[in-house]
Amino acid sequence: GKNDYFIIDNINKFPNNTVEIYNRWGLKVYDTKSYDSAGNVFRGYSDGRVTIDKGEKLPTGTYFYIVNYEYKDKSGSRMIKKSGYLHLESSK
């Protein structure tokens, strides 16, 4: 009910997006297109196209994320890249 998935504020405004999440060793554990904070979300499981231990609940720890999204304005469109860290608390 609370903090069940990785929330990316306003991501629904930018449907042309990708999200990648890596563990502390730099291995990709999550990869998706069109992240939407509704159904296509990171819930703490290794998931996506190219991941390790697909379908396994990930251990507690700090993970690195990269979000790419298309930003459109009167000048045209361009891809924006944001990155940071998230802490996953797991009861594995």
PDB file of N, CA and C in Angstrom:
ATOM      1  N   GLY A   1       0.775  -1.195   0.000  1.00  0.00           N
ATOM      2  CA  GLY A   1       0.000   0.000   0.000  1.00  0.00           C
ATOM      3  C   GLY A   1       0.821   1.266   0.000  1.00  0.00           C
ATOM      4  N   LYS A   2       2.062   1.217   0.503  1.00  0.00           N
ATOM      5  CA  LYS A   2       2.875   2.428   0.564  1.00  0.00           C
ATOM      6  C   LYS A   2       4.281   2.103   0.056  1.00  0.00           C
ATOM      7  N   ASN A   3       4.771   2.944  -0.862  1.00  0.00           N
ATOM      8  CA  ASN A   3       6.105   2.735  -1.444  1.00  0.00           C
ATOM      9  C   ASN A   3       6.249   1.355  -2.087  1.00  0.00           C
ATOM     10  N   ASP A   4       5.208   0.919  -2.783  1.00  0.00           N
ATOM     11  CA  ASP A   4       5.219  -0.395  -3.419  1.00  0.00           C
ATOM     12  C   ASP A   4       5.977  -0.424  -4.739  1.00  0.00           C
ATOM     13  N   TYR A   5       6.222   0.748  -5.316  1.00  0.00           N
ATOM     14  CA  TYR A   5       6.956   0.804  -6.572  1.00  0.00           C
ATOM     15  C   TYR A   5       7.704   2.127  -6.681  1.00  0.00           C
ATOM     16  N   PHE A   6       8.635   2.172  -7.638  1.00  0.00           N
ATOM     17  CA  PHE A   6       9.459   3.354  -7.874  1.00  0.00           C
ATOM     18  C   PHE A   6       8.607   4.405  -8.580  1.00  0.00           C
ATOM     19  N   ILE A   7       8.354   5.523  -7.894  1.00  0.00           N
ATOM     20  CA  ILE A   7       7.525   6.592  -8.434  1.00  0.00           C
ATOM     21  C   ILE A   7       8.426   7.628  -9.107  1.00  0.00           C
ATOM     22  N   ILE A   8       8.111   7.930 -10.356  1.00  0.00           N
ATOM     23  CA  ILE A   8       8.820   8.974 -11.091  1.00  0.00           C
ATOM     24  C   ILE A   8       7.792  10.061 -11.365  1.00  0.00           C
ATOM     25  N   ASP A   9       7.894  11.166 -10.646  1.00  0.00           N
ATOM     26  CA  ASP A   9       6.917  12.256 -10.777  1.00  0.00           C
ATOM     27  C   ASP A   9       6.774  12.716 -12.219  1.00  0.00           C
ATOM     28  N   ASN A  10       5.532  12.869 -12.659  1.00  0.00           N
ATOM     29  CA  ASN A  10       5.162  13.403 -13.968  1.00  0.00           C
ATOM     30  C   ASN A  10       5.630  12.575 -15.163  1.00  0.00           C
ATOM     31  N   ILE A  11       6.046  11.336 -14.955  1.00  0.00           N
ATOM     32  CA  ILE A  11       6.525  10.525 -16.078  1.00  0.00           C
ATOM     33  C   ILE A  11       5.423  10.293 -17.114  1.00  0.00           C
ATOM     34  N   ASN A  12       4.162  10.326 -16.691  1.00  0.00           N
ATOM     35  CA  ASN A  12       3.052  10.122 -17.633  1.00  0.00           C
ATOM     36  C   ASN A  12       2.974  11.229 -18.682  1.00  0.00           C
ATOM     37  N   LYS A  13       3.564  12.382 -18.406  1.00  0.00           N
ATOM     38  CA  LYS A  13       3.579  13.487 -19.375  1.00  0.00           C
ATOM     39  C   LYS A  13       4.585  13.235 -20.501  1.00  0.00           C
ATOM     40  N   PHE A  14       5.451  12.249 -20.313  1.00  0.00           N
ATOM     41  CA  PHE A  14       6.512  11.949 -21.276  1.00  0.00           C
ATOM     42  C   PHE A  14       6.500  10.455 -21.613  1.00  0.00           C
ATOM     43  N   PRO A  15       5.513  10.013 -22.402  1.00  0.00           N
ATOM     44  CA  PRO A  15       5.353   8.579 -22.666  1.00  0.00           C
ATOM     45  C   PRO A  15       6.515   7.945 -23.437  1.00  0.00           C
ATOM     46  N   ASN A  16       7.265   8.735 -24.192  1.00  0.00           N
ATOM     47  CA  ASN A  16       8.425   8.194 -24.901  1.00  0.00           C
ATOM     48  C   ASN A  16       9.613   8.236 -23.941  1.00  0.00           C
ATOM     49  N   ASN A  17       9.722   7.191 -23.116  1.00  0.00           N
ATOM     50  CA  ASN A  17      10.768   7.147 -22.099  1.00  0.00           C
ATOM     51  C   ASN A  17      11.327   5.743 -21.936  1.00  0.00           C
ATOM     52  N   THR A  18      12.488   5.673 -21.328  1.00  0.00           N
ATOM     53  CA  THR A  18      13.084   4.395 -20.930  1.00  0.00           C
ATOM     54  C   THR A  18      13.579   4.531 -19.498  1.00  0.00           C
ATOM     55  N   VAL A  19      13.550   3.426 -18.772  1.00  0.00           N
ATOM     56  CA  VAL A  19      14.057   3.386 -17.395  1.00  0.00           C
ATOM     57  C   VAL A  19      14.964   2.167 -17.274  1.00  0.00           C
ATOM     58  N   GLU A  20      16.147   2.397 -16.730  1.00  0.00           N
ATOM     59  CA  GLU A  20      17.094   1.315 -16.458  1.00  0.00           C
ATOM     60  C   GLU A  20      17.502   1.414 -15.001  1.00  0.00           C
ATOM     61  N   ILE A  21      17.629   0.256 -14.345  1.00  0.00           N
ATOM     62  CA  ILE A  21      18.068   0.224 -12.950  1.00  0.00           C
ATOM     63  C   ILE A  21      19.197  -0.796 -12.840  1.00  0.00           C
ATOM     64  N   TYR A  22      20.249  -0.405 -12.129  1.00  0.00           N
ATOM     65  CA  TYR A  22      21.449  -1.223 -11.983  1.00  0.00           C
ATOM     66  C   TYR A  22      21.739  -1.473 -10.513  1.00  0.00           C
ATOM     67  N   ASN A  23      22.336  -2.641 -10.229  1.00  0.00           N
ATOM     68  CA  ASN A  23      22.729  -2.920  -8.852  1.00  0.00           C
ATOM     69  C   ASN A  23      24.095  -2.304  -8.570  1.00  0.00           C
ATOM     70  N   ARG A  24      24.621  -2.534  -7.378  1.00  0.00           N
ATOM     71  CA  ARG A  24      25.875  -1.883  -6.978  1.00  0.00           C
ATOM     72  C   ARG A  24      27.089  -2.358  -7.765  1.00  0.00           C
ATOM     73  N   TRP A  25      26.974  -3.481  -8.477  1.00  0.00           N
ATOM     74  CA  TRP A  25      28.060  -3.983  -9.308  1.00  0.00           C
ATOM     75  C   TRP A  25      27.912  -3.543 -10.766  1.00  0.00           C
ATOM     76  N   GLY A  26      26.908  -2.717 -11.043  1.00  0.00           N
ATOM     77  CA  GLY A  26      26.709  -2.227 -12.397  1.00  0.00           C
ATOM     78  C   GLY A  26      25.957  -3.167 -13.312  1.00  0.00           C
ATOM     79  N   LEU A  27      25.353  -4.213 -12.752  1.00  0.00           N
ATOM     80  CA  LEU A  27      24.577  -5.152 -13.555  1.00  0.00           C
ATOM     81  C   LEU A  27      23.135  -4.673 -13.663  1.00  0.00           C
ATOM     82  N   LYS A  28      22.605  -4.690 -14.862  1.00  0.00           N
ATOM     83  CA  LYS A  28      21.241  -4.223 -15.087  1.00  0.00           C
ATOM     84  C   LYS A  28      20.246  -5.209 -14.492  1.00  0.00           C
ATOM     85  N   VAL A  29      19.342  -4.692 -13.644  1.00  0.00           N
ATOM     86  CA  VAL A  29      18.325  -5.539 -13.017  1.00  0.00           C
ATOM     87  C   VAL A  29      16.923  -5.188 -13.496  1.00  0.00           C
ATOM     88  N   TYR A  30      16.788  -4.056 -14.189  1.00  0.00           N
ATOM     89  CA  TYR A  30      15.473  -3.632 -14.688  1.00  0.00           C
ATOM     90  C   TYR A  30      15.668  -2.755 -15.909  1.00  0.00           C
ATOM     91  N   ASP A  31      14.811  -2.962 -16.905  1.00  0.00           N
ATOM     92  CA  ASP A  31      14.901  -2.217 -18.158  1.00  0.00           C
ATOM     93  C   ASP A  31      13.527  -2.216 -18.801  1.00  0.00           C
ATOM     94  N   THR A  32      12.980  -1.038 -19.081  1.00  0.00           N
ATOM     95  CA  THR A  32      11.664  -0.983 -19.712  1.00  0.00           C
ATOM     96  C   THR A  32      11.521   0.281 -20.546  1.00  0.00           C
ATOM     97  N   LYS A  33      10.549   0.261 -21.438  1.00  0.00           N
ATOM     98  CA  LYS A  33      10.157   1.430 -22.216  1.00  0.00           C
ATOM     99  C   LYS A  33       8.773   1.846 -21.765  1.00  0.00           C
ATOM    100  N   SER A  34       8.458   3.123 -21.892  1.00  0.00           N
ATOM    101  CA  SER A  34       7.133   3.674 -21.556  1.00  0.00           C
ATOM    102  C   SER A  34       6.742   3.414 -20.106  1.00  0.00           C
ATOM    103  N   TYR A  35       7.658   3.678 -19.200  1.00  0.00           N
ATOM    104  CA  TYR A  35       7.368   3.596 -17.768  1.00  0.00           C
ATOM    105  C   TYR A  35       6.205   4.537 -17.496  1.00  0.00           C
ATOM    106  N   ASP A  36       5.218   4.095 -16.716  1.00  0.00           N
ATOM    107  CA  ASP A  36       4.031   4.949 -16.578  1.00  0.00           C
ATOM    108  C   ASP A  36       3.502   5.135 -15.169  1.00  0.00           C
ATOM    109  N   SER A  37       4.180   4.658 -14.161  1.00  0.00           N
ATOM    110  CA  SER A  37       3.745   4.810 -12.768  1.00  0.00           C
ATOM    111  C   SER A  37       2.319   4.325 -12.538  1.00  0.00           C
ATOM    112  N   ALA A  38       1.838   3.425 -13.377  1.00  0.00           N
ATOM    113  CA  ALA A  38       0.501   2.840 -13.195  1.00  0.00           C
ATOM    114  C   ALA A  38       0.606   1.323 -13.241  1.00  0.00           C
ATOM    115  N   GLY A  39       1.069   0.795 -14.353  1.00  0.00           N
ATOM    116  CA  GLY A  39       1.182  -0.650 -14.474  1.00  0.00           C
ATOM    117  C   GLY A  39       2.588  -1.084 -14.829  1.00  0.00           C
ATOM    118  N   ASN A  40       3.240  -0.315 -15.667  1.00  0.00           N
ATOM    119  CA  ASN A  40       4.599  -0.629 -16.092  1.00  0.00           C
ATOM    120  C   ASN A  40       5.573   0.060 -15.143  1.00  0.00           C
ATOM    121  N   VAL A  41       5.835  -0.586 -13.996  1.00  0.00           N
ATOM    122  CA  VAL A  41       6.626   0.031 -12.938  1.00  0.00           C
ATOM    123  C   VAL A  41       7.630  -0.962 -12.329  1.00  0.00           C
ATOM    124  N   PHE A  42       8.628  -0.423 -11.651  1.00  0.00           N
ATOM    125  CA  PHE A  42       9.615  -1.221 -10.935  1.00  0.00           C
ATOM    126  C   PHE A  42       9.108  -1.494  -9.529  1.00  0.00           C
ATOM    127  N   ARG A  43       8.926  -2.775  -9.198  1.00  0.00           N
ATOM    128  CA  ARG A  43       8.397  -3.184  -7.896  1.00  0.00           C
ATOM    129  C   ARG A  43       9.416  -3.941  -7.044  1.00  0.00           C
ATOM    130  N   GLY A  44      10.687  -3.848  -7.415  1.00  0.00           N
ATOM    131  CA  GLY A  44      11.711  -4.512  -6.617  1.00  0.00           C
ATOM    132  C   GLY A  44      12.075  -5.896  -7.102  1.00  0.00           C
ATOM    133  N   TYR A  45      11.615  -6.255  -8.297  1.00  0.00           N
ATOM    134  CA  TYR A  45      11.946  -7.544  -8.891  1.00  0.00           C
ATOM    135  C   TYR A  45      12.827  -7.331 -10.104  1.00  0.00           C
ATOM    136  N   SER A  46      13.726  -8.257 -10.335  1.00  0.00           N
ATOM    137  CA  SER A  46      14.533  -8.218 -11.537  1.00  0.00           C
ATOM    138  C   SER A  46      13.609  -8.534 -12.708  1.00  0.00           C
ATOM    139  N   ASP A  47      13.489  -7.580 -13.622  1.00  0.00           N
ATOM    140  CA  ASP A  47      12.510  -7.706 -14.705  1.00  0.00           C
ATOM    141  C   ASP A  47      13.011  -6.933 -15.914  1.00  0.00           C
ATOM    142  N   GLY A  48      12.417  -7.159 -17.063  1.00  0.00           N
ATOM    143  CA  GLY A  48      12.779  -6.410 -18.258  1.00  0.00           C
ATOM    144  C   GLY A  48      13.398  -7.291 -19.305  1.00  0.00           C
ATOM    145  N   ARG A  49      13.960  -6.676 -20.324  1.00  0.00           N
ATOM    146  CA  ARG A  49      14.492  -7.411 -21.471  1.00  0.00           C
ATOM    147  C   ARG A  49      15.827  -8.073 -21.169  1.00  0.00           C
ATOM    148  N   VAL A  50      16.748  -7.330 -20.562  1.00  0.00           N
ATOM    149  CA  VAL A  50      18.093  -7.843 -20.321  1.00  0.00           C
ATOM    150  C   VAL A  50      18.415  -7.645 -18.849  1.00  0.00           C
ATOM    151  N   THR A  51      18.219  -8.673 -18.038  1.00  0.00           N
ATOM    152  CA  THR A  51      18.450  -8.540 -16.601  1.00  0.00           C
ATOM    153  C   THR A  51      19.105  -9.789 -16.044  1.00  0.00           C
ATOM    154  N   ILE A  52      19.528  -9.708 -14.790  1.00  0.00           N
ATOM    155  CA  ILE A  52      20.021 -10.887 -14.080  1.00  0.00           C
ATOM    156  C   ILE A  52      18.889 -11.450 -13.237  1.00  0.00           C
ATOM    157  N   ASP A  53      18.881 -12.751 -13.026  1.00  0.00           N
ATOM    158  CA  ASP A  53      17.899 -13.419 -12.162  1.00  0.00           C
ATOM    159  C   ASP A  53      16.468 -12.924 -12.414  1.00  0.00           C
ATOM    160  N   LYS A  54      16.036 -12.962 -13.660  1.00  0.00           N
ATOM    161  CA  LYS A  54      14.724 -12.455 -14.061  1.00  0.00           C
ATOM    162  C   LYS A  54      13.621 -13.029 -13.173  1.00  0.00           C
ATOM    163  N   GLY A  55      12.771 -12.146 -12.662  1.00  0.00           N
ATOM    164  CA  GLY A  55      11.637 -12.551 -11.838  1.00  0.00           C
ATOM    165  C   GLY A  55      11.946 -12.718 -10.368  1.00  0.00           C
ATOM    166  N   GLU A  56      13.208 -12.580  -9.985  1.00  0.00           N
ATOM    167  CA  GLU A  56      13.595 -12.736  -8.576  1.00  0.00           C
ATOM    168  C   GLU A  56      13.460 -11.412  -7.837  1.00  0.00           C
ATOM    169  N   LYS A  57      13.034 -11.492  -6.575  1.00  0.00           N
ATOM    170  CA  LYS A  57      12.981 -10.296  -5.732  1.00  0.00           C
ATOM    171  C   LYS A  57      14.413  -9.867  -5.431  1.00  0.00           C
ATOM    172  N   LEU A  58      14.673  -8.590  -5.583  1.00  0.00           N
ATOM    173  CA  LEU A  58      16.022  -8.076  -5.380  1.00  0.00           C
ATOM    174  C   LEU A  58      16.297  -7.830  -3.898  1.00  0.00           C
ATOM    175  N   PRO A  59      17.556  -7.956  -3.485  1.00  0.00           N
ATOM    176  CA  PRO A  59      17.901  -7.739  -2.076  1.00  0.00           C
ATOM    177  C   PRO A  59      17.882  -6.258  -1.697  1.00  0.00           C
ATOM    178  N   THR A  60      17.755  -6.005  -0.406  1.00  0.00           N
ATOM    179  CA  THR A  60      17.832  -4.649   0.125  1.00  0.00           C
ATOM    180  C   THR A  60      19.154  -4.025  -0.302  1.00  0.00           C
ATOM    181  N   GLY A  61      19.088  -2.763  -0.681  1.00  0.00           N
ATOM    182  CA  GLY A  61      20.315  -2.079  -1.058  1.00  0.00           C
ATOM    183  C   GLY A  61      20.038  -0.815  -1.850  1.00  0.00           C
ATOM    184  N   THR A  62      21.118  -0.207  -2.289  1.00  0.00           N
ATOM    185  CA  THR A  62      21.042   1.002  -3.093  1.00  0.00           C
ATOM    186  C   THR A  62      21.243   0.637  -4.550  1.00  0.00           C
ATOM    187  N   TYR A  63      20.405   1.176  -5.403  1.00  0.00           N
ATOM    188  CA  TYR A  63      20.431   0.907  -6.834  1.00  0.00           C
ATOM    189  C   TYR A  63      20.568   2.224  -7.588  1.00  0.00           C
ATOM    190  N   PHE A  64      21.145   2.165  -8.769  1.00  0.00           N
ATOM    191  CA  PHE A  64      21.346   3.332  -9.614  1.00  0.00           C
ATOM    192  C   PHE A  64      20.331   3.293 -10.748  1.00  0.00           C
ATOM    193  N   TYR A  65      19.686   4.416 -11.029  1.00  0.00           N
ATOM    194  CA  TYR A  65      18.707   4.440 -12.115  1.00  0.00           C
ATOM    195  C   TYR A  65      19.067   5.488 -13.164  1.00  0.00           C
ATOM    196  N   ILE A  66      18.633   5.222 -14.395  1.00  0.00           N
ATOM    197  CA  ILE A  66      18.757   6.162 -15.502  1.00  0.00           C
ATOM    198  C   ILE A  66      17.392   6.263 -16.160  1.00  0.00           C
ATOM    199  N   VAL A  67      16.884   7.483 -16.281  1.00  0.00           N
ATOM    200  CA  VAL A  67      15.614   7.745 -16.949  1.00  0.00           C
ATOM    201  C   VAL A  67      15.902   8.638 -18.152  1.00  0.00           C
ATOM    202  N   ASN A  68      15.508   8.193 -19.331  1.00  0.00           N
ATOM    203  CA  ASN A  68      15.592   8.987 -20.559  1.00  0.00           C
ATOM    204  C   ASN A  68      14.177   9.280 -21.005  1.00  0.00           C
ATOM    205  N   TYR A  69      13.896  10.531 -21.372  1.00  0.00           N
ATOM    206  CA  TYR A  69      12.555  10.850 -21.858  1.00  0.00           C
ATOM    207  C   TYR A  69      12.617  11.940 -22.921  1.00  0.00           C
ATOM    208  N   GLU A  70      11.629  11.911 -23.804  1.00  0.00           N
ATOM    209  CA  GLU A  70      11.554  12.891 -24.868  1.00  0.00           C
ATOM    210  C   GLU A  70      10.819  14.126 -24.371  1.00  0.00           C
ATOM    211  N   TYR A  71      11.470  15.274 -24.507  1.00  0.00           N
ATOM    212  CA  TYR A  71      10.887  16.554 -24.102  1.00  0.00           C
ATOM    213  C   TYR A  71      10.591  17.358 -25.363  1.00  0.00           C
ATOM    214  N   LYS A  72       9.340  17.808 -25.485  1.00  0.00           N
ATOM    215  CA  LYS A  72       8.931  18.581 -26.658  1.00  0.00           C
ATOM    216  C   LYS A  72       8.544  19.991 -26.240  1.00  0.00           C
ATOM    217  N   ASP A  73       8.975  20.969 -27.027  1.00  0.00           N
ATOM    218  CA  ASP A  73       8.561  22.356 -26.838  1.00  0.00           C
ATOM    219  C   ASP A  73       8.519  23.029 -28.204  1.00  0.00           C
ATOM    220  N   LYS A  74       8.388  24.355 -28.236  1.00  0.00           N
ATOM    221  CA  LYS A  74       8.251  25.067 -29.501  1.00  0.00           C
ATOM    222  C   LYS A  74       9.504  24.955 -30.371  1.00  0.00           C
ATOM    223  N   SER A  75      10.643  24.623 -29.773  1.00  0.00           N
ATOM    224  CA  SER A  75      11.890  24.460 -30.521  1.00  0.00           C
ATOM    225  C   SER A  75      12.022  23.076 -31.153  1.00  0.00           C
ATOM    226  N   GLY A  76      11.155  22.152 -30.770  1.00  0.00           N
ATOM    227  CA  GLY A  76      11.231  20.778 -31.274  1.00  0.00           C
ATOM    228  C   GLY A  76      11.255  19.791 -30.124  1.00  0.00           C
ATOM    229  N   SER A  77      11.924  18.687 -30.338  1.00  0.00           N
ATOM    230  CA  SER A  77      12.008  17.689 -29.278  1.00  0.00           C
ATOM    231  C   SER A  77      13.453  17.264 -29.083  1.00  0.00           C
ATOM    232  N   ARG A  78      13.736  16.836 -27.859  1.00  0.00           N
ATOM    233  CA  ARG A  78      15.068  16.349 -27.531  1.00  0.00           C
ATOM    234  C   ARG A  78      14.942  15.342 -26.396  1.00  0.00           C
ATOM    235  N   MET A  79      15.926  14.482 -26.296  1.00  0.00           N
ATOM    236  CA  MET A  79      15.940  13.488 -25.234  1.00  0.00           C
ATOM    237  C   MET A  79      16.670  14.065 -24.020  1.00  0.00           C
ATOM    238  N   ILE A  80      16.063  13.882 -22.851  1.00  0.00           N
ATOM    239  CA  ILE A  80      16.630  14.329 -21.580  1.00  0.00           C
ATOM    240  C   ILE A  80      17.010  13.084 -20.781  1.00  0.00           C
ATOM    241  N   LYS A  81      18.156  13.139 -20.130  1.00  0.00           N
ATOM    242  CA  LYS A  81      18.638  12.014 -19.318  1.00  0.00           C
ATOM    243  C   LYS A  81      18.765  12.463 -17.870  1.00  0.00           C
ATOM    244  N   LYS A  82      18.161  11.717 -16.972  1.00  0.00           N
ATOM    245  CA  LYS A  82      18.258  11.964 -15.531  1.00  0.00           C
ATOM    246  C   LYS A  82      18.744  10.672 -14.877  1.00  0.00           C
ATOM    247  N   SER A  83      19.508  10.815 -13.808  1.00  0.00           N
ATOM    248  CA  SER A  83      19.981   9.624 -13.107  1.00  0.00           C
ATOM    249  C   SER A  83      20.082   9.923 -11.623  1.00  0.00           C
ATOM    250  N   GLY A  84      20.150   8.858 -10.853  1.00  0.00           N
ATOM    251  CA  GLY A  84      20.256   9.005  -9.413  1.00  0.00           C
ATOM    252  C   GLY A  84      20.242   7.655  -8.735  1.00  0.00           C
ATOM    253  N   TYR A  85      20.014   7.678  -7.447  1.00  0.00           N
ATOM    254  CA  TYR A  85      20.029   6.464  -6.637  1.00  0.00           C
ATOM    255  C   TYR A  85      18.684   6.260  -5.971  1.00  0.00           C
ATOM    256  N   LEU A  86      18.332   4.997  -5.773  1.00  0.00           N
ATOM    257  CA  LEU A  86      17.137   4.675  -5.007  1.00  0.00           C
ATOM    258  C   LEU A  86      17.492   3.571  -4.025  1.00  0.00           C
ATOM    259  N   HIS A  87      16.853   3.609  -2.881  1.00  0.00           N
ATOM    260  CA  HIS A  87      17.082   2.574  -1.873  1.00  0.00           C
ATOM    261  C   HIS A  87      15.895   1.624  -1.895  1.00  0.00           C
ATOM    262  N   LEU A  88      16.202   0.349  -1.997  1.00  0.00           N
ATOM    263  CA  LEU A  88      15.178  -0.700  -2.000  1.00  0.00           C
ATOM    264  C   LEU A  88      15.242  -1.440  -0.677  1.00  0.00           C
ATOM    265  N   GLU A  89      14.138  -1.482   0.027  1.00  0.00           N
ATOM    266  CA  GLU A  89      14.039  -2.231   1.287  1.00  0.00           C
ATOM    267  C   GLU A  89      13.212  -3.466   0.980  1.00  0.00           C
ATOM    268  N   SER A  90      13.819  -4.618   1.127  1.00  0.00           N
ATOM    269  CA  SER A  90      13.181  -5.863   0.731  1.00  0.00           C
ATOM    270  C   SER A  90      13.074  -6.814   1.913  1.00  0.00           C
ATOM    271  N   SER A  91      12.012  -7.582   1.925  1.00  0.00           N
ATOM    272  CA  SER A  91      11.856  -8.615   2.958  1.00  0.00           C
ATOM    273  C   SER A  91      11.972  -9.971   2.283  1.00  0.00           C
ATOM    274  N   LYS A  92      13.106 -10.200   1.719  1.00  0.00           N
ATOM    275  CA  LYS A  92      13.378 -11.403   0.921  1.00  0.00           C
ATOM    276  C   LYS A  92      13.429 -12.632   1.779  1.00  0.00           C
TER     277      LYS A  92
END
